[in-house]
Every structure is written in C-alpha cells, then in structure tokens.
Amino acid sequence: MRDQSEKTVLVVGASGATGRLLVEQLLSQGANVRAVVRSPDRMPAALRDHPRLAVTHASLLKLDADQLKHLTDGCDAVASCLGHNLSFKGIFGPPYRLVTEATRRLTAALKAHGREQPARFVLMNTTGNRNRDIQEPVSLGQMLVIGLLRLAVPPHADNENAADFLRKQIGQDDSTLEWCVVRPDSLINEQEDTGYEVYPSPIRSAIFDAGETSRSNVARFMAELINDDEIWHRWQGQMPVIYNKTKT
C-alpha cells in the first residue's frame, strides 16, 4: 500500500451522498484532499474544518483550463462522484453532459502536468453501462430498455459517454494517466459494514434483477483503488462492478 501521508487527491462531486463518504475515507487514511463543491454548506462541518481538506467553491464546468491545471497540480489521483440530481430538472435539464465534460476536462488537466508516475482517475458510474472492451453479454430485453433510457434519460447517456471517453480516448497505454470506472448496482444508504464483492462484469441484470450497493462500500472501494497499488493494478483500465456482500 502506498504511503497515504504523501498523497493528494482531488474529489469532485464531494458534497454528494457518495462523495462525502469518499472524502471521509481518504481523510481517515491520511490523504490530503481537495474538493470542488458548488455548495460548501452541504458538507458536514467536521469535514469542512478538517486541516487536510481544501475546498474550492465553484461549478466545475465553469473553471477554465488554467484553473483546472492549477487545481490538479500535485494531485496523485482524481475521483469523480459527479451525478445528476434525481429531480425533474436534474434529470432533464442542463448540463446534459456533466459527467462526460468533467471527465474530459479533468483528464486533460492531469495530462498537462509533467509527471514521473501516471495519475489515477477513478470514475463512479453505473452497472447499467456495459464495458464494450470485453463485450459483456446482455439480454435482448435489457438491451431494449437501456436503448430507451439512452434516448429518453440524458444522465444515462452521459454516464455511458464518460466511460467511453476513458476507454477510447485515454485507452490502456497512456503513460501519464491510468483510469478505472467503478460500477455500483442500485445505490442505497446503509451505514452497516456489510463488506462488498467486486466482479469484472455484472453477475445479475441491472434492469430485471438488480442488486444493491451501499454508498459507503462504493466510497471504501474507490479509496482502496487510490491507496492500494495491488488493488489498483488488478482493476486499472477496467470497469469493475461492486455489490454488497451477500449476507449468510
């Protein structure tokens, strides 16, 4: 495991339900964390006042290339927990490409720095998004439903496009940047430490037989990807699917 006391991590979407938990995980493990939030008061006071947390109050997509380069300067990793609010305006209103544009701009900023070691980019996504690098099997019924979601629900297409950007534009052989797309199944708020299981591809249908993944487990796995070289090398360049561990 890397020495977290020497690591600096930028978290975007840090004031969201999963982002806050990821910030907590990273701080508890000794990281220096930078967070970009539109509403700092949405973060608990205990986090805002932490000596190793630097909060930037801004709308990420309004930051220009120079500002993003400054924000990512010295960062070992960037973790994106961005998502669309689950409201009518959040789902059907702008910005329609929030996750994709943030991914594109942040990876460009990371690549603009001269680096001895490649930076890590961890993207929270969804199990409804297929990893087309490995041609994951999917039923005809699920294909039809996903196709309708892609056309009718902008956030789904946004998540797909963000992951495809990493697969196609960054790829597997970039010397300055490595990535991993984390795909939880149905997100739930559960504080109990259930443990989790990670697979290269879904083991159940995201539409017709969805499992559950607690936000705390997603945050824990994302932090481990950033912190632990062995775990990172296991999942680098892949789109692992995470479920709560089955209770026995």
Foldseek 3Di string as FASTA:
>chain_A
DDQQLQAEEEEEVCLDPLNVLLLVLSVVSNHQYEYEEQDVVSHDPVSVPDPSYHYDHDDQVPDDLVRLLVVCVSHQEYEYPDAFDPDPCRFPHPPLQSLQVSLVSNVVSQQVDDDPAAHEYEYEAALLADDPVVPDDDDPVSVVVLVVCCVPTSRNVNRNNNLVCCCPVVNDDHRHYWYEYEHEAAEDADPDCQDKDKDLHDPDDSPPGIAYDYSSNVSNLVSCCSHPPVSVVVGISGYIYMHRDDDD
